């Protein structure tokens, strides 16, 4: 396949310059490109995969939780209209503890309208299929005159040099690019991070996540269910109805890694029966709708997010357990902070790739990411077991928080991404 821009226009020439070069055009990298281009920054985004493949239903079965703050960012960047029809509002969240084949504990935690006192009719967030997010991103990128989305394309060599000289990049098509800042948005296995010698804190969980779309008889009414089982959390998250009008939810099932191959090998009827054993009958009969996927679960955190003329964003910098559904939201908060840092530096006449500018981005994001990483790891360890004393402590803790509205509201504000030193985009403001 010939290298092209997202709108099909060929990019000729052996030499080119850009202000920011982003390696990785997934959901985080391309959003950053759109944010910067919207502020007039000249940006090149490289993506090795064909966009048509990454928006195909067979490519990725996951859906993502879009927190309120993240939705504001997407709206401010003009991306949200392209995915709004595929976004199902989260109106309530119910968290409960349980065991396979038994009813959920009567002590639970419920987040509803009371925790949204200032905006009771606004959702806490949304569930959107990843391919709908990618489709909206590709459409918006095609509208940006200062954004070159080059696909399929990748870096083959990068010389970041020293001092004030720009970075020198060689692409797989032989083209050479000079850039003031290079951003690694390549995911957990980031080659740029490895080449910079940035070490990682990382460990695997003895769990994998099973994801698919689940069809069910009764409507979900916008309720997200997080049901904690001994092997890990079992979540059913509300989705828009299917093309046939059937009710759907997104399954995120954390299971012991050794059992996952057997679960994936079950036929639809047997797999549906396993879902029913874990979730119960509140949504009627459950059955998988379409393909199933599984992903090994792990935690990772880069010792730093920056190097000379280099910044890490999203999964290139951090990866967390999906227990709170915050992975993409963390990455897009990185986007909001880095975009604001670069744009402000540019307006002041500063080099966006210089050390002081990048240090501000790292300081802004590292604490937030570290706190959520510790929180998700602790929650997973607390809830992914069947020890009777811990089960009792969990149930009492959930019930206690449920009876303390101020504490519930604080937790919900955190879940909605509306706590802390918020970048302008997360507040819904332009850069």
Foldseek 3Di string as FASTA:
>chain_A
DDKAFLVRHRDDDQEEEFAEEEEACALLRLLLLLQQLVLVGQYEYAAQDDLVQCLDCVNDFDKFWQFQLNLLLCVLSVLCVQFVVFKFFQAKEKEFEDEFQDDTDPQIAMDHQLLVVVCSPHGRTTIGHRSSSSVSSSVSQVVRPSYTYIPNKGWPDWDCDDDQFFIWTAMPVGHIYTYLAYEYPPAQVTPVCVVLVWDKDKDFDQKKKKKAKKFFQAAPVNYWYWYFYQQGTWIWGFTDADPVRTGITMITDIGRNVCVVVLQPDPFVVNQVSVCSRPPAPRHGMTGDDHMDMGTDMWMATPFQADQSYGYAQRNGIDAGCSLSCRVVLRNQLSLLLSVLQSVCVVVVHRCRDDVSVVSSGVQRVVLRVVVRVVRVVVRVLRNRDDVVSSVVVSVVRNVCNPPSVSSSVVSCVSSVNDDDGGQSSVSHRD
